[in-house]
Amino acid sequence: MTVFDIVKSSVDSVVAEGAQAASCPAEVASNSDRIITMLPSSPHVKNCFTADDGILSTVQPGTLILDSSTIDPMMSKSVSELAQAKGAVYMDAPVSGGIMAAKGATLTFMVGGPEDKFPEAKEILSLMGKNVVHCGDVSTGQAAKICNNMLLGITMIGVSEAMNLGKRLGLDPKQLAHILNTSSGRCWSSDTYNPCPGVLENVPSSNNYQGGFQTALMTKDLGLAQDAATATQSPNPLGSAAHQMYRVLCNHGYDKLDFSSVYKFLQEQEKKN
């Protein structure tokens, strides 16, 4: 296994387990016939693949590339075409499940690309995920991920508002969470990733919102959903409101905190009032 990351400590941790470090994405591509990438946004993906020291500068014909970034579906199509010109196969394979699913290898991968290549992709991704789903052609994995994260952003705000209201009404947060999780309000944002500190262990809210999925990334994903809604003329009132909420959080310095910090933001607005 050959690995590269701009964060040296991330590379070192894998090298300690026997991997070989590369100096750039091109070196990874020259040493590999199966490549997995996971990057924050469309510009990062474009640079990783098309820069002078990028993957496509040295990619070998027949290489299978699985990109687990969450990006604009059009970027996935563009990179796929460039890879095809080099004789390689690019598939978008964005991922969902959070930090606990990543640690437990129970992630969900949404895969877009040639159906005849899906079994090979699934063999690799199943080492990290429990659910590996073929969504259709290249970019459909991104479409599924955008829809998922839009819903996630909406539900996290809803759970945060409910938990905050319940606490102000005198309810014990753990008791309220138990009621929600055994009632019709139950959702992943409540029963698995509750935003109220102390309700669940081993989630970012109980670690001062450190780790997990940064608010800036959720804002980016909700922006992708808004772009897609505009392009398809799809009504998107709650998605739009969620996007605006997370933009406000970023503007108030929450960008590097986990996206469940929307609860912390609501709490602090109380103090100001």
C-alpha atoms as a PDB file:
ATOM      1  CA  MET A   1       0.000   0.000   0.000  1.00  0.00           C
ATOM      2  CA  THR A   2       1.301   3.424  -0.965  1.00  0.00           C
ATOM      3  CA  VAL A   3      -0.168   6.438   0.824  1.00  0.00           C
ATOM      4  CA  PHE A   4      -0.090  10.224   0.588  1.00  0.00           C
ATOM      5  CA  ASP A   5      -1.621  13.013   2.642  1.00  0.00           C
ATOM      6  CA  ILE A   6      -0.680  16.651   3.187  1.00  0.00           C
ATOM      7  CA  VAL A   7      -0.900  15.921   6.941  1.00  0.00           C
ATOM      8  CA  LYS A   8       2.347  14.110   7.750  1.00  0.00           C
ATOM      9  CA  SER A   9       1.059  12.587  10.988  1.00  0.00           C
ATOM     10  CA  SER A  10      -1.694  10.817   9.052  1.00  0.00           C
ATOM     11  CA  VAL A  11       0.870   9.293   6.728  1.00  0.00           C
ATOM     12  CA  ASP A  12       3.167   8.322   9.597  1.00  0.00           C
ATOM     13  CA  SER A  13       0.411   6.436  11.399  1.00  0.00           C
ATOM     14  CA  VAL A  14      -0.204   4.220   8.354  1.00  0.00           C
ATOM     15  CA  VAL A  15       3.480   3.811   7.539  1.00  0.00           C
ATOM     16  CA  ALA A  16       3.893   2.468  11.082  1.00  0.00           C
ATOM     17  CA  GLU A  17       1.514  -0.327  10.071  1.00  0.00           C
ATOM     18  CA  GLY A  18       3.606  -1.229   7.026  1.00  0.00           C
ATOM     19  CA  ALA A  19       2.522   1.159   4.262  1.00  0.00           C
ATOM     20  CA  GLN A  20       4.916   3.029   1.977  1.00  0.00           C
ATOM     21  CA  ALA A  21       4.846   6.829   2.007  1.00  0.00           C
ATOM     22  CA  ALA A  22       4.609   8.768  -1.271  1.00  0.00           C
ATOM     23  CA  SER A  23       5.740  12.339  -1.851  1.00  0.00           C
ATOM     24  CA  CYS A  24       2.748  13.247  -4.054  1.00  0.00           C
ATOM     25  CA  PRO A  25      -0.398  11.762  -5.642  1.00  0.00           C
ATOM     26  CA  ALA A  26       1.529  10.946  -8.840  1.00  0.00           C
ATOM     27  CA  GLU A  27       3.818   8.628  -6.896  1.00  0.00           C
ATOM     28  CA  VAL A  28       0.807   6.809  -5.482  1.00  0.00           C
ATOM     29  CA  ALA A  29      -0.594   6.342  -8.982  1.00  0.00           C
ATOM     30  CA  SER A  30       2.689   5.063 -10.410  1.00  0.00           C
ATOM     31  CA  ASN A  31       2.833   2.370  -7.690  1.00  0.00           C
ATOM     32  CA  SER A  32      -0.833   1.317  -7.650  1.00  0.00           C
ATOM     33  CA  ASP A  33      -3.541  -0.240  -9.786  1.00  0.00           C
ATOM     34  CA  ARG A  34      -6.280   0.460  -7.230  1.00  0.00           C
ATOM     35  CA  ILE A  35      -6.539   3.962  -5.772  1.00  0.00           C
ATOM     36  CA  ILE A  36      -8.851   5.421  -3.123  1.00  0.00           C
ATOM     37  CA  THR A  37      -9.096   9.181  -2.607  1.00  0.00           C
ATOM     38  CA  MET A  38     -11.019  11.106   0.050  1.00  0.00           C
ATOM     39  CA  LEU A  39     -10.808  14.902  -0.066  1.00  0.00           C
ATOM     40  CA  PRO A  40     -12.769  17.856   1.368  1.00  0.00           C
ATOM     41  CA  SER A  41     -14.141  19.565  -1.752  1.00  0.00           C
ATOM     42  CA  SER A  42     -14.254  19.835  -5.551  1.00  0.00           C
ATOM     43  CA  PRO A  43     -11.157  22.081  -5.876  1.00  0.00           C
ATOM     44  CA  HIS A  44      -9.116  19.623  -3.804  1.00  0.00           C
ATOM     45  CA  VAL A  45     -10.222  16.741  -6.026  1.00  0.00           C
ATOM     46  CA  LYS A  46      -9.416  18.657  -9.194  1.00  0.00           C
ATOM     47  CA  ASN A  47      -5.930  19.485  -7.940  1.00  0.00           C
ATOM     48  CA  CYS A  48      -5.262  15.951  -6.680  1.00  0.00           C
ATOM     49  CA  PHE A  49      -6.091  14.480 -10.071  1.00  0.00           C
ATOM     50  CA  THR A  50      -5.025  17.108 -12.611  1.00  0.00           C
ATOM     51  CA  ALA A  51      -2.022  18.933 -11.098  1.00  0.00           C
ATOM     52  CA  ASP A  52       1.425  18.324 -12.576  1.00  0.00           C
ATOM     53  CA  ASP A  53       2.110  15.874  -9.728  1.00  0.00           C
ATOM     54  CA  GLY A  54      -1.482  14.610  -9.694  1.00  0.00           C
ATOM     55  CA  ILE A  55      -2.859  11.121 -10.106  1.00  0.00           C
ATOM     56  CA  LEU A  56      -3.660  11.411 -13.800  1.00  0.00           C
ATOM     57  CA  SER A  57      -0.084  12.382 -14.665  1.00  0.00           C
ATOM     58  CA  THR A  58       1.135   8.825 -13.966  1.00  0.00           C
ATOM     59  CA  VAL A  59      -2.005   6.679 -13.709  1.00  0.00           C
ATOM     60  CA  GLN A  60      -1.624   3.225 -15.269  1.00  0.00           C
ATOM     61  CA  PRO A  61      -4.124   1.870 -17.818  1.00  0.00           C
ATOM     62  CA  GLY A  62      -6.627  -0.435 -16.146  1.00  0.00           C
ATOM     63  CA  THR A  63      -6.370   1.278 -12.766  1.00  0.00           C
ATOM     64  CA  LEU A  64      -9.572   1.423 -10.708  1.00  0.00           C
ATOM     65  CA  ILE A  65     -10.007   4.761  -8.923  1.00  0.00           C
ATOM     66  CA  LEU A  66     -12.552   5.120  -6.123  1.00  0.00           C
ATOM     67  CA  ASP A  67     -13.138   8.698  -5.022  1.00  0.00           C
ATOM     68  CA  SER A  68     -14.870   8.910  -1.644  1.00  0.00           C
ATOM     69  CA  SER A  69     -14.965  12.706  -1.546  1.00  0.00           C
ATOM     70  CA  THR A  70     -18.299  14.534  -1.415  1.00  0.00           C
ATOM     71  CA  ILE A  71     -18.196  16.932  -4.350  1.00  0.00           C
ATOM     72  CA  ASP A  72     -20.211  18.460  -7.176  1.00  0.00           C
ATOM     73  CA  PRO A  73     -21.556  15.611  -9.356  1.00  0.00           C
ATOM     74  CA  MET A  74     -20.289  17.481 -12.432  1.00  0.00           C
ATOM     75  CA  MET A  75     -16.742  17.319 -11.062  1.00  0.00           C
ATOM     76  CA  SER A  76     -17.064  13.535 -10.776  1.00  0.00           C
ATOM     77  CA  LYS A  77     -18.145  13.352 -14.406  1.00  0.00           C
ATOM     78  CA  SER A  78     -15.250  15.554 -15.479  1.00  0.00           C
ATOM     79  CA  VAL A  79     -12.605  13.528 -13.642  1.00  0.00           C
ATOM     80  CA  SER A  80     -14.147  10.314 -14.948  1.00  0.00           C
ATOM     81  CA  GLU A  81     -13.745  11.497 -18.533  1.00  0.00           C
ATOM     82  CA  LEU A  82     -10.117  12.479 -17.927  1.00  0.00           C
ATOM     83  CA  ALA A  83      -9.390   9.111 -16.313  1.00  0.00           C
ATOM     84  CA  GLN A  84     -11.063   7.260 -19.177  1.00  0.00           C
ATOM     85  CA  ALA A  85      -8.787   9.075 -21.626  1.00  0.00           C
ATOM     86  CA  LYS A  86      -5.855   7.558 -19.702  1.00  0.00           C
ATOM     87  CA  GLY A  87      -7.354   4.069 -19.826  1.00  0.00           C
ATOM     88  CA  ALA A  88      -8.354   4.127 -16.141  1.00  0.00           C
ATOM     89  CA  VAL A  89     -11.784   3.740 -14.535  1.00  0.00           C
ATOM     90  CA  TYR A  90     -13.034   6.381 -12.091  1.00  0.00           C
ATOM     91  CA  MET A  91     -16.006   5.718  -9.810  1.00  0.00           C
ATOM     92  CA  ASP A  92     -17.477   8.140  -7.287  1.00  0.00           C
ATOM     93  CA  ALA A  93     -17.969   6.444  -3.920  1.00  0.00           C
ATOM     94  CA  PRO A  94     -18.903   9.013  -1.245  1.00  0.00           C
ATOM     95  CA  VAL A  95     -19.282   7.675   2.265  1.00  0.00           C
ATOM     96  CA  SER A  96     -21.641   8.129   5.191  1.00  0.00           C
ATOM     97  CA  GLY A  97     -21.913   6.886   8.749  1.00  0.00           C
ATOM     98  CA  GLY A  98     -19.758   9.108  10.906  1.00  0.00           C
ATOM     99  CA  ILE A  99     -16.664   8.489  12.994  1.00  0.00           C
ATOM    100  CA  MET A 100     -18.081   5.528  14.904  1.00  0.00           C
ATOM    101  CA  ALA A 101     -19.013   3.681  11.710  1.00  0.00           C
ATOM    102  CA  ALA A 102     -15.564   4.448  10.315  1.00  0.00           C
ATOM    103  CA  LYS A 103     -13.920   2.906  13.370  1.00  0.00           C
ATOM    104  CA  GLY A 104     -16.218  -0.113  13.203  1.00  0.00           C
ATOM    105  CA  ALA A 105     -15.940  -0.582   9.408  1.00  0.00           C
ATOM    106  CA  THR A 106     -19.732  -0.262   9.076  1.00  0.00           C
ATOM    107  CA  LEU A 107     -19.820   2.746   6.739  1.00  0.00           C
ATOM    108  CA  THR A 108     -22.215   3.124   3.809  1.00  0.00           C
ATOM    109  CA  PHE A 109     -20.701   3.757   0.372  1.00  0.00           C
ATOM    110  CA  MET A 110     -22.821   5.172  -2.452  1.00  0.00           C
ATOM    111  CA  VAL A 111     -21.142   4.183  -5.709  1.00  0.00           C
ATOM    112  CA  GLY A 112     -21.571   5.629  -9.183  1.00  0.00           C
ATOM    113  CA  GLY A 113     -19.856   4.114 -12.210  1.00  0.00           C
ATOM    114  CA  PRO A 114     -19.793   1.200 -14.668  1.00  0.00           C
ATOM    115  CA  GLU A 115     -21.897  -1.698 -13.412  1.00  0.00           C
ATOM    116  CA  ASP A 116     -19.349  -4.277 -14.567  1.00  0.00           C
ATOM    117  CA  LYS A 117     -16.713  -2.668 -12.322  1.00  0.00           C
ATOM    118  CA  PHE A 118     -18.935  -2.543  -9.250  1.00  0.00           C
ATOM    119  CA  PRO A 119     -18.051  -6.038  -7.925  1.00  0.00           C
ATOM    120  CA  GLU A 120     -14.365  -5.087  -7.854  1.00  0.00           C
ATOM    121  CA  ALA A 121     -15.174  -1.787  -6.163  1.00  0.00           C
ATOM    122  CA  LYS A 122     -17.423  -3.503  -3.633  1.00  0.00           C
ATOM    123  CA  GLU A 123     -14.687  -5.986  -2.734  1.00  0.00           C
ATOM    124  CA  ILE A 124     -12.422  -3.091  -1.725  1.00  0.00           C
ATOM    125  CA  LEU A 125     -15.020  -0.871  -0.065  1.00  0.00           C
ATOM    126  CA  SER A 126     -16.480  -3.752   1.961  1.00  0.00           C
ATOM    127  CA  LEU A 127     -13.266  -3.739   3.975  1.00  0.00           C
ATOM    128  CA  MET A 128     -14.387  -0.367   5.333  1.00  0.00           C
ATOM    129  CA  GLY A 129     -18.155  -0.476   4.978  1.00  0.00           C
ATOM    130  CA  LYS A 130     -21.147  -2.639   5.745  1.00  0.00           C
ATOM    131  CA  ASN A 131     -23.382  -1.196   3.020  1.00  0.00           C
ATOM    132  CA  VAL A 132     -21.949  -0.706  -0.464  1.00  0.00           C
ATOM    133  CA  VAL A 133     -24.659   0.342  -2.916  1.00  0.00           C
ATOM    134  CA  HIS A 134     -24.428   0.808  -6.688  1.00  0.00           C
ATOM    135  CA  CYS A 135     -26.480   3.912  -7.489  1.00  0.00           C
ATOM    136  CA  GLY A 136     -26.008   4.073 -11.265  1.00  0.00           C
ATOM    137  CA  ASP A 137     -23.659   5.907 -13.620  1.00  0.00           C
ATOM    138  CA  VAL A 138     -20.771   8.130 -12.515  1.00  0.00           C
ATOM    139  CA  SER A 139     -22.029  11.034 -10.336  1.00  0.00           C
ATOM    140  CA  THR A 140     -25.089   9.194  -8.967  1.00  0.00           C
ATOM    141  CA  GLY A 141     -23.156   8.304  -5.830  1.00  0.00           C
ATOM    142  CA  GLN A 142     -22.604  12.020  -5.296  1.00  0.00           C
ATOM    143  CA  ALA A 143     -26.288  12.694  -5.909  1.00  0.00           C
ATOM    144  CA  ALA A 144     -27.266  10.191  -3.216  1.00  0.00           C
ATOM    145  CA  LYS A 145     -24.715  11.620  -0.753  1.00  0.00           C
ATOM    146  CA  ILE A 146     -25.900  15.190  -1.308  1.00  0.00           C
ATOM    147  CA  CYS A 147     -29.495  14.166  -0.587  1.00  0.00           C
ATOM    148  CA  ASN A 148     -28.402  12.248   2.516  1.00  0.00           C
ATOM    149  CA  ASN A 149     -26.357  15.109   3.943  1.00  0.00           C
ATOM    150  CA  MET A 150     -29.068  17.641   3.261  1.00  0.00           C
ATOM    151  CA  LEU A 151     -31.442  15.525   5.353  1.00  0.00           C
ATOM    152  CA  LEU A 152     -28.749  15.062   8.006  1.00  0.00           C
ATOM    153  CA  GLY A 153     -28.186  18.798   8.289  1.00  0.00           C
ATOM    154  CA  ILE A 154     -31.926  19.404   8.628  1.00  0.00           C
ATOM    155  CA  THR A 155     -32.449  16.710  11.277  1.00  0.00           C
ATOM    156  CA  MET A 156     -29.425  17.826  13.330  1.00  0.00           C
ATOM    157  CA  ILE A 157     -30.879  21.326  13.561  1.00  0.00           C
ATOM    158  CA  GLY A 158     -34.277  19.878  14.486  1.00  0.00           C
ATOM    159  CA  VAL A 159     -32.854  17.639  17.210  1.00  0.00           C
ATOM    160  CA  SER A 160     -30.759  20.516  18.568  1.00  0.00           C
ATOM    161  CA  GLU A 161     -33.816  22.763  18.768  1.00  0.00           C
ATOM    162  CA  ALA A 162     -35.862  20.026  20.469  1.00  0.00           C
ATOM    163  CA  MET A 163     -33.138  19.210  23.004  1.00  0.00           C
ATOM    164  CA  ASN A 164     -32.574  22.890  23.741  1.00  0.00           C
ATOM    165  CA  LEU A 165     -36.294  23.556  24.204  1.00  0.00           C
ATOM    166  CA  GLY A 166     -36.708  20.502  26.410  1.00  0.00           C
ATOM    167  CA  LYS A 167     -33.845  21.565  28.644  1.00  0.00           C
ATOM    168  CA  ARG A 168     -35.316  25.058  29.014  1.00  0.00           C
ATOM    169  CA  LEU A 169     -38.631  23.458  29.970  1.00  0.00           C
ATOM    170  CA  GLY A 170     -36.909  21.581  32.781  1.00  0.00           C
ATOM    171  CA  LEU A 171     -36.497  18.164  31.201  1.00  0.00           C
ATOM    172  CA  ASP A 172     -33.431  16.048  31.861  1.00  0.00           C
ATOM    173  CA  PRO A 173     -31.546  15.780  28.525  1.00  0.00           C
ATOM    174  CA  LYS A 174     -30.893  12.045  28.837  1.00  0.00           C
ATOM    175  CA  GLN A 175     -34.521  11.366  29.665  1.00  0.00           C
ATOM    176  CA  LEU A 176     -35.709  13.524  26.770  1.00  0.00           C
ATOM    177  CA  ALA A 177     -33.323  11.769  24.397  1.00  0.00           C
ATOM    178  CA  HIS A 178     -34.645   8.402  25.562  1.00  0.00           C
ATOM    179  CA  ILE A 179     -38.205   9.547  24.902  1.00  0.00           C
ATOM    180  CA  LEU A 180     -37.326  10.874  21.444  1.00  0.00           C
ATOM    181  CA  ASN A 181     -35.453   7.691  20.576  1.00  0.00           C
ATOM    182  CA  THR A 182     -38.435   5.503  21.464  1.00  0.00           C
ATOM    183  CA  SER A 183     -40.994   7.804  19.854  1.00  0.00           C
ATOM    184  CA  SER A 184     -41.836   9.185  16.427  1.00  0.00           C
ATOM    185  CA  GLY A 185     -39.073  11.808  16.569  1.00  0.00           C
ATOM    186  CA  ARG A 186     -36.355   9.156  16.503  1.00  0.00           C
ATOM    187  CA  CYS A 187     -33.539   9.718  13.983  1.00  0.00           C
ATOM    188  CA  TRP A 188     -29.766   9.195  13.637  1.00  0.00           C
ATOM    189  CA  SER A 189     -29.032  12.728  14.832  1.00  0.00           C
ATOM    190  CA  SER A 190     -30.774  11.855  18.100  1.00  0.00           C
ATOM    191  CA  ASP A 191     -30.097   8.190  18.835  1.00  0.00           C
ATOM    192  CA  THR A 192     -26.557   7.843  17.461  1.00  0.00           C
ATOM    193  CA  TYR A 193     -25.027  11.343  17.327  1.00  0.00           C
ATOM    194  CA  ASN A 194     -26.958  13.377  19.857  1.00  0.00           C
ATOM    195  CA  PRO A 195     -25.817  17.023  19.897  1.00  0.00           C
ATOM    196  CA  CYS A 196     -26.406  17.589  23.634  1.00  0.00           C
ATOM    197  CA  PRO A 197     -23.232  17.062  25.709  1.00  0.00           C
ATOM    198  CA  GLY A 198     -23.402  14.107  28.098  1.00  0.00           C
ATOM    199  CA  VAL A 199     -26.333  12.326  26.486  1.00  0.00           C
ATOM    200  CA  LEU A 200     -24.094   9.882  24.616  1.00  0.00           C
ATOM    201  CA  GLU A 201     -20.488   8.925  25.146  1.00  0.00           C
ATOM    202  CA  ASN A 202     -17.911   8.816  22.357  1.00  0.00           C
ATOM    203  CA  VAL A 203     -19.612  11.442  20.188  1.00  0.00           C
ATOM    204  CA  PRO A 204     -18.229  14.922  19.438  1.00  0.00           C
ATOM    205  CA  SER A 205     -20.806  16.739  21.570  1.00  0.00           C
ATOM    206  CA  SER A 206     -19.375  15.000  24.638  1.00  0.00           C
ATOM    207  CA  ASN A 207     -15.843  15.971  23.574  1.00  0.00           C
ATOM    208  CA  ASN A 208     -16.389  19.737  23.278  1.00  0.00           C
ATOM    209  CA  TYR A 209     -17.464  19.161  19.651  1.00  0.00           C
ATOM    210  CA  GLN A 210     -13.965  18.106  18.624  1.00  0.00           C
ATOM    211  CA  GLY A 211     -13.465  15.491  15.898  1.00  0.00           C
ATOM    212  CA  GLY A 212     -16.294  14.216  13.739  1.00  0.00           C
ATOM    213  CA  PHE A 213     -17.597  16.154  10.734  1.00  0.00           C
ATOM    214  CA  GLN A 214     -16.689  19.825  10.671  1.00  0.00           C
ATOM    215  CA  THR A 215     -19.387  22.479  10.372  1.00  0.00           C
ATOM    216  CA  ALA A 216     -17.517  23.945   7.379  1.00  0.00           C
ATOM    217  CA  LEU A 217     -17.862  20.629   5.520  1.00  0.00           C
ATOM    218  CA  MET A 218     -21.568  20.347   6.309  1.00  0.00           C
ATOM    219  CA  THR A 219     -21.992  23.900   5.008  1.00  0.00           C
ATOM    220  CA  LYS A 220     -20.169  22.923   1.822  1.00  0.00           C
ATOM    221  CA  ASP A 221     -22.385  19.861   1.326  1.00  0.00           C
ATOM    222  CA  LEU A 222     -25.565  21.849   1.908  1.00  0.00           C
ATOM    223  CA  GLY A 223     -24.294  24.335  -0.669  1.00  0.00           C
ATOM    224  CA  LEU A 224     -23.914  21.474  -3.153  1.00  0.00           C
ATOM    225  CA  ALA A 225     -27.509  20.472  -2.427  1.00  0.00           C
ATOM    226  CA  GLN A 226     -28.647  24.048  -3.081  1.00  0.00           C
ATOM    227  CA  ASP A 227     -26.777  24.130  -6.387  1.00  0.00           C
ATOM    228  CA  ALA A 228     -28.391  20.835  -7.391  1.00  0.00           C
ATOM    229  CA  ALA A 229     -31.841  22.069  -6.348  1.00  0.00           C
ATOM    230  CA  THR A 230     -31.401  25.184  -8.451  1.00  0.00           C
ATOM    231  CA  ALA A 231     -30.180  23.198 -11.449  1.00  0.00           C
ATOM    232  CA  THR A 232     -33.150  20.819 -11.270  1.00  0.00           C
ATOM    233  CA  GLN A 233     -35.687  23.457 -10.169  1.00  0.00           C
ATOM    234  CA  SER A 234     -36.456  21.402  -7.056  1.00  0.00           C
ATOM    235  CA  PRO A 235     -38.290  23.113  -4.170  1.00  0.00           C
ATOM    236  CA  ASN A 236     -35.918  23.049  -1.201  1.00  0.00           C
ATOM    237  CA  PRO A 237     -37.145  25.275   1.642  1.00  0.00           C
ATOM    238  CA  LEU A 238     -35.769  23.292   4.597  1.00  0.00           C
ATOM    239  CA  GLY A 239     -32.501  22.507   2.826  1.00  0.00           C
ATOM    240  CA  SER A 240     -32.062  26.191   2.094  1.00  0.00           C
ATOM    241  CA  ALA A 241     -32.815  27.154   5.712  1.00  0.00           C
ATOM    242  CA  ALA A 242     -30.338  24.548   6.986  1.00  0.00           C
ATOM    243  CA  HIS A 243     -27.659  25.894   4.649  1.00  0.00           C
ATOM    244  CA  GLN A 244     -28.187  29.404   5.960  1.00  0.00           C
ATOM    245  CA  MET A 245     -28.058  28.188   9.557  1.00  0.00           C
ATOM    246  CA  TYR A 246     -24.716  26.492   9.057  1.00  0.00           C
ATOM    247  CA  ARG A 247     -23.338  29.508   7.232  1.00  0.00           C
ATOM    248  CA  VAL A 248     -24.211  31.557  10.307  1.00  0.00           C
ATOM    249  CA  LEU A 249     -22.358  29.041  12.493  1.00  0.00           C
ATOM    250  CA  CYS A 250     -19.268  29.339  10.299  1.00  0.00           C
ATOM    251  CA  ASN A 251     -19.427  33.119  10.534  1.00  0.00           C
ATOM    252  CA  HIS A 252     -19.519  32.829  14.338  1.00  0.00           C
ATOM    253  CA  GLY A 253     -16.364  30.715  14.542  1.00  0.00           C
ATOM    254  CA  TYR A 254     -17.907  27.242  14.629  1.00  0.00           C
ATOM    255  CA  ASP A 255     -16.448  26.189  11.260  1.00  0.00           C
ATOM    256  CA  LYS A 256     -13.893  23.753  12.713  1.00  0.00           C
ATOM    257  CA  LEU A 257     -16.228  22.285  15.331  1.00  0.00           C
ATOM    258  CA  ASP A 258     -18.382  19.245  14.630  1.00  0.00           C
ATOM    259  CA  PHE A 259     -21.649  20.093  12.885  1.00  0.00           C
ATOM    260  CA  SER A 260     -23.620  19.003  15.961  1.00  0.00           C
ATOM    261  CA  SER A 261     -22.318  22.218  17.562  1.00  0.00           C
ATOM    262  CA  VAL A 262     -25.507  23.842  16.283  1.00  0.00           C
ATOM    263  CA  TYR A 263     -26.824  22.877  19.751  1.00  0.00           C
ATOM    264  CA  LYS A 264     -23.966  24.799  21.391  1.00  0.00           C
ATOM    265  CA  PHE A 265     -24.773  27.779  19.171  1.00  0.00           C
ATOM    266  CA  LEU A 266     -28.433  27.746  20.266  1.00  0.00           C
ATOM    267  CA  GLN A 267     -27.378  27.513  23.905  1.00  0.00           C
ATOM    268  CA  GLU A 268     -25.083  30.509  23.551  1.00  0.00           C
ATOM    269  CA  GLN A 269     -27.796  32.539  21.830  1.00  0.00           C
ATOM    270  CA  GLU A 270     -29.885  32.057  24.969  1.00  0.00           C
ATOM    271  CA  LYS A 271     -27.143  33.617  27.096  1.00  0.00           C
ATOM    272  CA  LYS A 272     -26.992  36.642  24.793  1.00  0.00           C
ATOM    273  CA  ASN A 273     -30.715  37.123  25.124  1.00  0.00           C
END
